[in-house]
Amino acid sequence: MLGVYDYTVILTYLSIVSACIGIACSFTPQLILAAIICLMVCGCLDAFDGKVARSKPNRTDFAKKFGIQIDSLSDVIAFGVLPACIGINLVKTSRFLDRLTTKTHYYTYLTDFFYIICILYVLGAVIRLAYYNVQEEERQKEEDCNRMYFNGVPVTTAALVFPIIYLIQMANRLDLTMVYMFFMALIGALFVSEKKIPKPGFKHLMIFIVLGLVEVILMISIKLFVNVQ
């Protein structure tokens, strides 16, 4: 059977499953929260998949190259397609945009513009990950240590930024679709920037995970007790 199926890639495969579930949920307005949580689960799994993969001694060159490729393909789905699907469906169900489009047909172009932002966001994520794959393969030929910097904003930023926006929307009963779109355009552009960003250490990853758990608890609490959709 083609592929690698040992424990070094199990977290990556689980991330793909979570992303697919999130994409399916994003098309139902009542399940947008579930899609956001799936995005955060993908971020949590991605934080540890590299460490798990490197824990296996004597990995073959094929296994290492397969790990790089499958990780990036997973990231395209989890942090490229999934946030874009959430964004598209937030635009479709936006109360604010709906009021604008009922006043004048010119505002319908704004909706189309937001769809274009989502498409360009995915394109930026794909370009960044393809560039990373080539760069990482060349780097590993020269050095065996872990990289210390990212070139451009990593795609996993999506798992931090977009859930925070949605949490604020839930907590304040606001329609922050335009804010979501603004950050989607900004992050999509930063994906392909050349700015060097220090790679977070284990302590930082644990802080992000704890914050993520707090966000999930707050979202579920608001959903259950405040009845915000």
Protein backbone atom coordinates (compact mmCIF):
# COMPACT_ATOMS: atom_id res chain seq x y z
CA MET A 1 0.00 0.00 0.00
CA LEU A 2 1.36 3.42 -0.98
CA GLY A 3 2.30 5.93 1.69
CA VAL A 4 3.65 5.95 5.23
CA TYR A 5 1.46 4.69 8.07
CA ASP A 6 3.58 4.68 11.21
CA TYR A 7 3.12 6.94 14.23
CA THR A 8 5.24 9.73 12.71
CA VAL A 9 2.38 10.86 10.44
CA ILE A 10 -0.66 9.97 12.56
CA LEU A 11 -1.16 13.54 13.82
CA THR A 12 -0.98 14.88 10.26
CA TYR A 13 -3.63 12.41 9.10
CA LEU A 14 -5.86 13.34 12.06
CA SER A 15 -5.45 17.01 11.11
CA ILE A 16 -6.70 16.25 7.59
CA VAL A 17 -9.73 14.45 9.04
CA SER A 18 -10.47 17.37 11.38
CA ALA A 19 -10.13 19.86 8.51
CA CYS A 20 -12.53 17.90 6.29
CA ILE A 21 -15.08 17.75 9.10
CA GLY A 22 -14.67 21.49 9.61
CA ILE A 23 -15.21 22.21 5.91
CA ALA A 24 -18.40 20.15 5.95
CA CYS A 25 -19.63 21.97 9.08
CA SER A 26 -18.84 25.40 7.64
CA PHE A 27 -21.63 25.07 5.06
CA THR A 28 -24.28 24.91 7.81
CA PRO A 29 -24.73 28.24 9.66
CA GLN A 30 -25.57 26.48 12.93
CA LEU A 31 -22.29 24.53 12.75
CA ILE A 32 -19.86 27.39 12.11
CA LEU A 33 -18.69 27.07 15.71
CA ALA A 34 -17.89 23.40 15.10
CA ALA A 35 -15.87 24.41 12.03
CA ILE A 36 -13.92 26.96 14.11
CA ILE A 37 -13.18 24.31 16.74
CA CYS A 38 -11.99 21.93 14.01
CA LEU A 39 -9.62 24.66 12.83
CA MET A 40 -8.23 24.98 16.34
CA VAL A 41 -7.84 21.20 16.63
CA CYS A 42 -5.81 21.27 13.40
CA GLY A 43 -3.58 23.95 14.91
CA CYS A 44 -3.03 21.87 18.04
CA LEU A 45 -2.16 18.74 16.04
CA ASP A 46 0.18 20.70 13.77
CA ALA A 47 2.06 22.04 16.80
CA PHE A 48 3.25 18.56 17.69
CA ASP A 49 3.36 16.57 14.45
CA GLY A 50 6.94 17.60 13.68
CA LYS A 51 8.16 16.71 17.16
CA VAL A 52 6.46 13.31 16.97
CA ALA A 53 7.98 12.64 13.54
CA ARG A 54 11.49 13.54 14.70
CA SER A 55 11.17 11.29 17.75
CA LYS A 56 11.59 8.19 15.59
CA PRO A 57 15.26 7.21 15.25
CA ASN A 58 16.77 6.26 11.90
CA ARG A 59 14.01 7.62 9.72
CA THR A 60 14.66 6.99 6.04
CA ASP A 61 15.10 9.85 3.59
CA PHE A 62 11.87 8.75 1.92
CA ALA A 63 9.97 8.97 5.23
CA LYS A 64 11.39 12.44 5.89
CA LYS A 65 10.47 13.73 2.43
CA PHE A 66 7.03 12.12 2.65
CA GLY A 67 6.53 13.80 6.03
CA ILE A 68 7.36 17.23 4.59
CA GLN A 69 4.98 16.77 1.65
CA ILE A 70 2.04 15.33 3.58
CA ASP A 71 2.39 17.99 6.28
CA SER A 72 2.15 20.78 3.71
CA LEU A 73 -0.76 19.13 1.90
CA SER A 74 -2.54 18.84 5.24
CA ASP A 75 -1.83 22.51 5.98
CA VAL A 76 -3.37 23.54 2.64
CA ILE A 77 -6.65 21.92 3.70
CA ALA A 78 -6.56 22.87 7.38
CA PHE A 79 -5.24 26.43 7.27
CA GLY A 80 -5.97 27.37 3.66
CA VAL A 81 -9.25 25.85 2.50
CA LEU A 82 -11.01 25.55 5.87
CA PRO A 83 -10.66 29.22 6.95
CA ALA A 84 -11.70 30.29 3.43
CA CYS A 85 -14.81 28.09 3.59
CA ILE A 86 -15.69 29.56 6.99
CA GLY A 87 -15.20 33.05 5.56
CA ILE A 88 -17.37 32.37 2.49
CA ASN A 89 -20.20 31.10 4.63
CA LEU A 90 -19.89 33.96 7.11
CA VAL A 91 -20.33 36.29 4.12
CA LYS A 92 -23.39 34.33 2.96
CA THR A 93 -25.05 34.57 6.39
CA SER A 94 -23.87 38.06 7.36
CA ARG A 95 -26.71 40.19 8.72
CA PHE A 96 -24.75 43.38 8.10
CA LEU A 97 -24.01 42.57 4.46
CA ASP A 98 -27.58 41.44 3.93
CA ARG A 99 -28.87 44.84 5.09
CA LEU A 100 -26.44 46.60 2.77
CA THR A 101 -27.43 44.56 -0.29
CA THR A 102 -31.13 45.20 0.31
CA LYS A 103 -30.51 48.97 0.17
CA THR A 104 -28.69 49.02 -3.16
CA HIS A 105 -27.52 46.42 -5.64
CA TYR A 106 -24.06 48.02 -5.73
CA TYR A 107 -23.22 46.38 -2.43
CA THR A 108 -23.52 42.96 -4.05
CA TYR A 109 -20.10 43.69 -5.54
CA LEU A 110 -18.74 43.86 -1.99
CA THR A 111 -19.82 40.27 -1.47
CA ASP A 112 -18.06 39.24 -4.67
CA PHE A 113 -14.96 41.10 -3.51
CA PHE A 114 -14.93 39.11 -0.28
CA TYR A 115 -15.20 35.85 -2.22
CA ILE A 116 -12.16 36.93 -4.24
CA ILE A 117 -10.28 37.59 -0.99
CA CYS A 118 -11.02 34.03 0.14
CA ILE A 119 -9.71 32.65 -3.16
CA LEU A 120 -6.55 34.75 -3.01
CA TYR A 121 -6.03 33.70 0.62
CA VAL A 122 -5.99 30.02 -0.40
CA LEU A 123 -3.67 30.85 -3.30
CA GLY A 124 -1.27 32.61 -0.91
CA ALA A 125 -1.29 29.60 1.42
CA VAL A 126 -0.55 27.18 -1.43
CA ILE A 127 2.29 29.34 -2.79
CA ARG A 128 3.83 29.68 0.66
CA LEU A 129 3.69 25.95 1.38
CA ALA A 130 5.11 25.02 -2.02
CA TYR A 131 7.97 27.48 -1.45
CA TYR A 132 8.53 26.06 2.04
CA ASN A 133 8.73 22.50 0.71
CA VAL A 134 11.44 23.37 -1.81
CA GLN A 135 13.34 25.50 0.70
CA GLU A 136 13.16 22.87 3.46
CA GLU A 137 14.35 20.10 1.18
CA GLU A 138 17.36 22.20 0.13
CA ARG A 139 18.08 23.18 3.75
CA GLN A 140 18.09 19.58 4.97
CA LYS A 141 20.78 18.74 2.44
CA GLU A 142 23.09 21.23 4.13
CA GLU A 143 22.08 21.04 7.79
CA ASP A 144 20.26 18.60 10.05
CA CYS A 145 19.14 20.95 12.83
CA ASN A 146 15.68 22.47 13.21
CA ARG A 147 15.01 25.83 11.54
CA MET A 148 14.99 28.85 13.85
CA TYR A 149 12.98 31.24 11.66
CA PHE A 150 9.99 31.23 9.34
CA ASN A 151 10.15 33.18 6.09
CA GLY A 152 6.79 34.93 6.07
CA VAL A 153 3.86 34.31 8.40
CA PRO A 154 3.23 30.57 8.87
CA VAL A 155 -0.14 29.27 7.71
CA THR A 156 -0.90 28.00 11.21
CA THR A 157 -1.53 31.65 12.16
CA ALA A 158 -5.06 31.01 10.90
CA ALA A 159 -5.71 28.74 13.89
CA LEU A 160 -4.94 31.64 16.24
CA VAL A 161 -6.43 34.72 14.56
CA PHE A 162 -9.78 33.57 13.14
CA PRO A 163 -11.07 31.81 16.30
CA ILE A 164 -10.36 34.98 18.31
CA ILE A 165 -12.41 37.04 15.85
CA TYR A 166 -15.29 34.58 16.04
CA LEU A 167 -15.13 34.52 19.84
CA ILE A 168 -15.40 38.33 19.96
CA GLN A 169 -18.34 38.12 17.56
CA MET A 170 -20.12 35.61 19.77
CA ALA A 171 -19.40 37.43 23.02
CA ASN A 172 -20.63 40.82 21.79
CA ARG A 173 -23.42 39.71 19.45
CA LEU A 174 -21.71 41.57 16.63
CA ASP A 175 -21.36 40.77 12.96
CA LEU A 176 -17.58 40.84 12.42
CA THR A 177 -17.62 39.34 8.94
CA MET A 178 -15.85 42.39 7.50
CA VAL A 179 -13.21 42.16 10.22
CA TYR A 180 -12.74 38.45 9.39
CA MET A 181 -12.31 39.37 5.71
CA PHE A 182 -9.82 42.14 6.54
CA PHE A 183 -7.60 39.75 8.46
CA MET A 184 -7.99 37.10 5.78
CA ALA A 185 -6.65 39.56 3.21
CA LEU A 186 -3.86 40.69 5.55
CA ILE A 187 -2.74 37.20 6.55
CA GLY A 188 -2.97 35.96 2.97
CA ALA A 189 -0.58 38.74 1.93
CA LEU A 190 1.77 38.00 4.84
CA PHE A 191 1.93 34.34 3.80
CA VAL A 192 4.08 35.34 0.82
CA SER A 193 6.04 38.11 2.53
CA GLU A 194 9.78 37.76 3.09
CA LYS A 195 9.71 38.88 6.71
CA LYS A 196 11.63 36.55 9.05
CA ILE A 197 9.65 35.43 12.10
CA PRO A 198 11.23 33.50 15.02
CA LYS A 199 9.89 29.98 15.33
CA PRO A 200 8.01 29.54 18.63
CA GLY A 201 9.53 27.23 21.20
CA PHE A 202 7.81 24.52 23.21
CA LYS A 203 6.89 26.93 26.01
CA HIS A 204 5.18 29.27 23.54
CA LEU A 205 3.30 26.38 21.94
CA MET A 206 1.95 25.32 25.34
CA ILE A 207 0.78 28.88 26.01
CA PHE A 208 -1.03 28.93 22.64
CA ILE A 209 -2.69 25.58 23.40
CA VAL A 210 -3.88 26.74 26.84
CA LEU A 211 -5.28 29.92 25.29
CA GLY A 212 -6.97 27.80 22.64
CA LEU A 213 -8.62 25.63 25.29
CA VAL A 214 -9.85 28.74 27.09
CA GLU A 215 -11.29 30.04 23.80
CA VAL A 216 -13.10 26.77 23.14
CA ILE A 217 -14.58 26.74 26.65
CA LEU A 218 -15.75 30.34 26.28
CA MET A 219 -17.27 29.70 22.84
CA ILE A 220 -19.18 26.63 24.00
CA SER A 221 -20.34 28.42 27.16
CA ILE A 222 -21.62 31.39 25.16
CA LYS A 223 -23.34 29.06 22.70
CA LEU A 224 -25.05 27.08 25.46
CA PHE A 225 -25.94 29.78 27.93
CA VAL A 226 -26.23 32.97 25.89
CA ASN A 227 -27.74 31.21 22.86
CA VAL A 228 -25.74 33.20 20.29
CA GLN A 229 -25.73 31.73 16.81
